[in-house]
């Protein structure tokens, strides 16, 4: 999923739109206005679910790659994400990303290079986010609602690879962990790539969230792995599925 570059929006006139939304939230509405607005929203949400289910129902086993939209092409993590996408395809998996630039582009690029399934779940944003050119044309979906997009990631992914990223990436990481922790979805493998990047966060989770405040359990740390290389990513995912005598459809 993408990390929105707030740099571009910092000096943009988006504040006026934000103020308008805040004021609208406090505006008293009659029942007719509420019913009309909510009904229209329901139909828009339904349309996005229908399109998502229709396009993704037959894509086969896929792994989602999350990471920052800001990552440049010459960044080592971009190159790693591209190699991971390529290796996933060679091992029989398709690749799903948030459809944008940066790490998302890299994952789709690797999948395309290996002639595999390259899926993009794009999101319509006022700035930065745009679909990359390495997505299969019939597997590109653009959403208005983040929560619908999240459902698609979870429903059609058999694993999650989390590259370095910002707020959006962290949101997707903890969403996946929470859904597995609460047994709302199966215990699919979650692989964090970049020990230098992720170790500080995991140390904080262990010392503060677990040891001091007791807000999570020791076993929650077994829900994810931290690695550095594409080879280690594939080892984690393939080892997981070999335990259940499952394999992707080649």
Protein backbone atom coordinates (compact mmCIF):
# COMPACT_ATOMS: atom_id res chain seq x y z
CA UNK A 1 0.00 0.00 0.00
CA UNK A 2 1.14 3.50 -0.58
CA UNK A 3 2.62 6.04 1.79
CA UNK A 4 1.26 9.44 0.85
CA UNK A 5 3.89 12.12 0.46
CA UNK A 6 2.71 14.87 2.71
CA UNK A 7 5.54 17.06 1.44
CA UNK A 8 3.54 17.81 -1.69
CA UNK A 9 0.38 18.50 0.25
CA UNK A 10 1.96 20.66 2.95
CA UNK A 11 1.71 23.86 0.94
CA UNK A 12 -1.26 22.86 -1.19
CA UNK A 13 -4.72 24.39 -0.70
CA UNK A 14 -5.97 21.10 0.71
CA UNK A 15 -6.55 22.79 4.06
CA UNK A 16 -9.67 24.49 2.70
CA UNK A 17 -11.10 21.13 1.75
CA UNK A 18 -10.20 19.73 5.16
CA UNK A 19 -11.94 22.61 6.94
CA UNK A 20 -15.00 22.12 4.78
CA UNK A 21 -15.18 18.44 5.73
CA UNK A 22 -14.84 19.22 9.42
CA UNK A 23 -17.58 21.84 9.27
CA UNK A 24 -19.83 19.46 7.32
CA UNK A 25 -19.46 16.86 10.08
CA UNK A 26 -21.06 19.28 12.56
CA UNK A 27 -23.84 20.42 10.24
CA UNK A 28 -27.33 19.38 11.24
CA UNK A 29 -29.03 17.35 8.51
CA UNK A 30 -32.60 16.26 8.14
CA UNK A 31 -33.54 12.62 7.63
CA UNK A 32 -34.00 13.03 3.90
CA UNK A 33 -30.47 14.40 3.45
CA UNK A 34 -28.96 11.65 5.58
CA UNK A 35 -30.84 8.87 3.80
CA UNK A 36 -29.95 10.20 0.36
CA UNK A 37 -26.26 10.60 1.18
CA UNK A 38 -25.87 7.26 2.96
CA UNK A 39 -27.76 5.35 0.26
CA UNK A 40 -25.45 6.71 -2.43
CA UNK A 41 -22.40 5.75 -0.36
CA UNK A 42 -23.70 2.21 0.08
CA UNK A 43 -24.04 1.75 -3.68
CA UNK A 44 -20.55 3.12 -4.33
CA UNK A 45 -19.05 0.76 -1.73
CA UNK A 46 -20.98 -2.19 -3.17
CA UNK A 47 -19.75 -1.35 -6.67
CA UNK A 48 -16.14 -1.42 -5.49
CA UNK A 49 -16.60 -4.77 -3.75
CA UNK A 50 -18.27 -6.25 -6.84
CA UNK A 51 -15.47 -5.09 -9.15
CA UNK A 52 -12.82 -6.36 -6.76
CA UNK A 53 -14.38 -9.78 -6.32
CA UNK A 54 -15.01 -10.10 -10.05
CA UNK A 55 -11.44 -9.29 -11.11
CA UNK A 56 -9.59 -11.10 -8.34
CA UNK A 57 -11.65 -14.27 -7.86
CA UNK A 58 -9.52 -16.30 -10.29
CA UNK A 59 -6.04 -14.86 -9.87
CA UNK A 60 -4.74 -17.88 -7.94
CA UNK A 61 -2.24 -17.84 -5.07
CA UNK A 62 -0.65 -14.42 -4.59
CA UNK A 63 1.60 -12.64 -2.13
CA UNK A 64 1.14 -8.97 -1.29
CA UNK A 65 4.16 -6.66 -1.21
CA UNK A 66 3.74 -3.54 0.93
CA UNK A 67 6.13 -0.59 1.09
CA UNK A 68 6.70 3.10 0.58
CA UNK A 69 5.62 5.02 -2.51
CA UNK A 70 8.60 7.34 -1.93
CA UNK A 71 11.32 4.76 -2.57
CA UNK A 72 13.39 5.69 -5.61
CA UNK A 73 14.52 3.35 -8.35
CA UNK A 74 18.17 3.46 -7.26
CA UNK A 75 17.34 2.62 -3.63
CA UNK A 76 18.58 -0.84 -2.55
CA UNK A 77 15.13 -1.63 -1.15
CA UNK A 78 13.59 -0.96 -4.58
CA UNK A 79 15.98 -3.46 -6.13
CA UNK A 80 15.24 -5.97 -3.37
CA UNK A 81 11.48 -5.61 -3.82
CA UNK A 82 11.81 -6.11 -7.57
CA UNK A 83 13.87 -9.26 -7.02
CA UNK A 84 11.32 -10.54 -4.48
CA UNK A 85 8.51 -10.03 -7.00
CA UNK A 86 10.49 -11.91 -9.61
CA UNK A 87 11.34 -14.80 -7.30
CA UNK A 88 7.75 -15.10 -6.06
CA UNK A 89 6.56 -15.52 -9.65
CA UNK A 90 9.26 -18.11 -10.38
CA UNK A 91 7.99 -20.10 -7.41
CA UNK A 92 4.41 -20.02 -8.64
CA UNK A 93 2.92 -17.04 -6.83
CA UNK A 94 1.38 -13.90 -8.28
CA UNK A 95 2.22 -10.49 -6.85
CA UNK A 96 -0.24 -7.97 -5.43
CA UNK A 97 0.78 -4.42 -4.58
CA UNK A 98 -0.93 -1.12 -3.87
CA UNK A 99 -0.44 -0.31 -7.54
CA UNK A 100 1.50 2.92 -7.05
CA UNK A 101 5.14 4.03 -7.41
CA UNK A 102 8.14 3.16 -5.23
CA UNK A 103 8.18 -0.27 -3.62
CA UNK A 104 4.83 -1.07 -5.20
CA UNK A 105 6.21 -0.40 -8.66
CA UNK A 106 9.26 -2.51 -7.87
CA UNK A 107 7.16 -5.51 -6.84
CA UNK A 108 5.02 -5.31 -9.97
CA UNK A 109 8.11 -4.78 -12.08
CA UNK A 110 9.70 -7.96 -10.81
CA UNK A 111 6.52 -9.93 -11.42
CA UNK A 112 6.26 -8.57 -14.96
CA UNK A 113 9.93 -9.39 -15.67
CA UNK A 114 9.26 -13.03 -14.79
CA UNK A 115 6.05 -13.11 -16.84
CA UNK A 116 3.88 -13.67 -13.79
CA UNK A 117 0.63 -12.25 -12.51
CA UNK A 118 1.05 -8.61 -11.55
CA UNK A 119 -1.89 -7.15 -9.64
CA UNK A 120 -2.36 -3.53 -8.60
CA UNK A 121 -4.92 -2.33 -6.05
CA UNK A 122 -4.64 1.39 -6.58
CA UNK A 123 -6.26 4.11 -4.48
CA UNK A 124 -7.65 7.41 -5.74
CA UNK A 125 -5.85 10.20 -3.86
CA UNK A 126 -5.66 13.96 -4.42
CA UNK A 127 -1.89 13.81 -4.94
CA UNK A 128 1.02 11.47 -5.58
CA UNK A 129 -0.70 8.13 -6.05
CA UNK A 130 -0.84 6.87 -9.62
CA UNK A 131 -0.78 3.38 -11.05
CA UNK A 132 2.56 2.05 -12.27
CA UNK A 133 3.08 0.63 -15.76
CA UNK A 134 4.02 -2.89 -14.66
CA UNK A 135 0.52 -4.01 -13.66
CA UNK A 136 -1.44 -6.39 -15.90
CA UNK A 137 -4.14 -4.23 -17.51
CA UNK A 138 -6.89 -6.67 -16.54
CA UNK A 139 -5.65 -6.80 -12.93
CA UNK A 140 -5.64 -3.10 -12.10
CA UNK A 141 -8.38 -1.81 -9.81
CA UNK A 142 -8.65 1.74 -8.50
CA UNK A 143 -10.55 2.23 -5.24
CA UNK A 144 -12.05 5.27 -3.54
CA UNK A 145 -12.34 3.56 -0.16
CA UNK A 146 -9.29 2.36 1.76
CA UNK A 147 -11.30 -0.20 3.73
CA UNK A 148 -12.58 -1.92 0.56
CA UNK A 149 -9.03 -2.05 -0.77
CA UNK A 150 -7.82 -3.60 2.51
CA UNK A 151 -10.42 -6.35 2.22
CA UNK A 152 -9.06 -7.23 -1.21
CA UNK A 153 -5.49 -7.45 0.07
CA UNK A 154 -6.48 -9.77 2.88
CA UNK A 155 -8.97 -11.88 0.94
CA UNK A 156 -6.70 -12.65 -2.01
CA UNK A 157 -3.23 -12.86 -0.45
CA UNK A 158 -1.57 -16.01 0.81
CA UNK A 159 1.28 -14.09 2.38
CA UNK A 160 2.50 -10.57 3.13
CA UNK A 161 5.95 -9.14 2.40
CA UNK A 162 6.48 -5.82 4.17
CA UNK A 163 9.25 -3.59 2.86
CA UNK A 164 10.36 -0.34 4.56
CA UNK A 165 7.63 2.28 4.45
CA UNK A 166 5.77 4.92 6.39
CA UNK A 167 2.30 5.33 7.84
CA UNK A 168 0.46 3.41 5.14
CA UNK A 169 2.88 0.48 5.34
CA UNK A 170 2.66 0.37 9.12
CA UNK A 171 -1.12 0.43 8.88
CA UNK A 172 -1.11 -2.58 6.55
CA UNK A 173 1.42 -4.45 8.67
CA UNK A 174 -0.50 -4.09 11.92
CA UNK A 175 -3.81 -4.77 10.19
CA UNK A 176 -2.49 -8.12 8.94
CA UNK A 177 -1.00 -8.99 12.34
CA UNK A 178 -4.21 -8.03 14.15
CA UNK A 179 -6.42 -10.10 11.86
CA UNK A 180 -4.20 -13.14 12.34
CA UNK A 181 -3.84 -12.54 16.09
CA UNK A 182 -7.62 -12.38 16.50
CA UNK A 183 -8.12 -15.39 14.20
CA UNK A 184 -10.20 -13.44 11.71
CA UNK A 185 -8.02 -14.79 8.91
CA UNK A 186 -5.68 -17.76 8.60
CA UNK A 187 -2.13 -17.58 9.90
CA UNK A 188 -0.54 -16.56 6.63
CA UNK A 189 3.19 -15.75 6.67
CA UNK A 190 4.22 -12.12 7.30
CA UNK A 191 7.79 -11.28 6.33
CA UNK A 192 9.45 -7.97 7.23
CA UNK A 193 12.34 -7.16 4.89
CA UNK A 194 15.22 -5.09 6.24
CA UNK A 195 16.54 -5.97 9.69
CA UNK A 196 18.13 -2.54 10.11
CA UNK A 197 14.80 -0.86 9.37
CA UNK A 198 12.48 -3.03 11.45
CA UNK A 199 14.58 -4.03 14.48
CA UNK A 200 13.96 -0.78 16.37
CA UNK A 201 10.19 -1.16 16.05
CA UNK A 202 10.27 -4.78 17.15
CA UNK A 203 12.53 -3.92 20.10
CA UNK A 204 10.03 -1.27 21.20
CA UNK A 205 7.17 -3.74 20.88
CA UNK A 206 9.05 -6.21 23.05
CA UNK A 207 10.38 -3.90 25.77
CA UNK A 208 7.50 -1.44 26.06
CA UNK A 209 4.34 -3.01 24.66
CA UNK A 210 5.01 -6.57 25.84
CA UNK A 211 7.39 -6.55 28.83
CA UNK A 212 6.40 -3.28 30.51
CA UNK A 213 2.72 -2.78 29.65
CA UNK A 214 1.70 -6.42 28.92
CA UNK A 215 -0.47 -5.27 26.01
CA UNK A 216 0.52 -8.16 23.73
CA UNK A 217 1.63 -11.76 24.25
CA UNK A 218 4.99 -13.42 23.72
CA UNK A 219 3.47 -15.61 21.03
CA UNK A 220 2.53 -12.54 18.99
CA UNK A 221 6.19 -12.24 18.01
CA UNK A 222 5.87 -15.57 16.23
CA UNK A 223 3.39 -14.04 13.78
CA UNK A 224 6.11 -12.43 11.67
CA UNK A 225 9.70 -12.94 10.50
CA UNK A 226 12.46 -10.39 9.85
CA UNK A 227 14.83 -11.09 6.95
CA UNK A 228 17.18 -9.24 4.61
CA UNK A 229 17.22 -11.07 1.28
CA UNK A 230 14.76 -12.26 -1.39
CA UNK A 231 16.02 -15.79 -0.83
CA UNK A 232 15.06 -15.62 2.85
CA UNK A 233 11.60 -14.29 1.93
CA UNK A 234 10.95 -17.26 -0.34
CA UNK A 235 12.33 -19.67 2.26
CA UNK A 236 9.86 -18.42 4.88
CA UNK A 237 6.87 -18.56 2.53
CA UNK A 238 7.72 -21.93 0.98
CA UNK A 239 8.52 -23.50 4.37
CA UNK A 240 5.17 -22.31 5.66
CA UNK A 241 3.19 -23.91 2.86
CA UNK A 242 5.26 -27.10 2.85
CA UNK A 243 4.10 -27.74 6.42
CA UNK A 244 0.53 -27.91 5.14
CA UNK A 245 1.48 -29.87 2.01
CA UNK A 246 0.26 -26.96 -0.07
CA UNK A 247 1.89 -25.40 -3.08
CA UNK A 248 0.98 -22.66 -5.55
CA UNK A 249 -0.52 -23.45 -8.93
CA UNK A 250 2.26 -23.32 -11.50
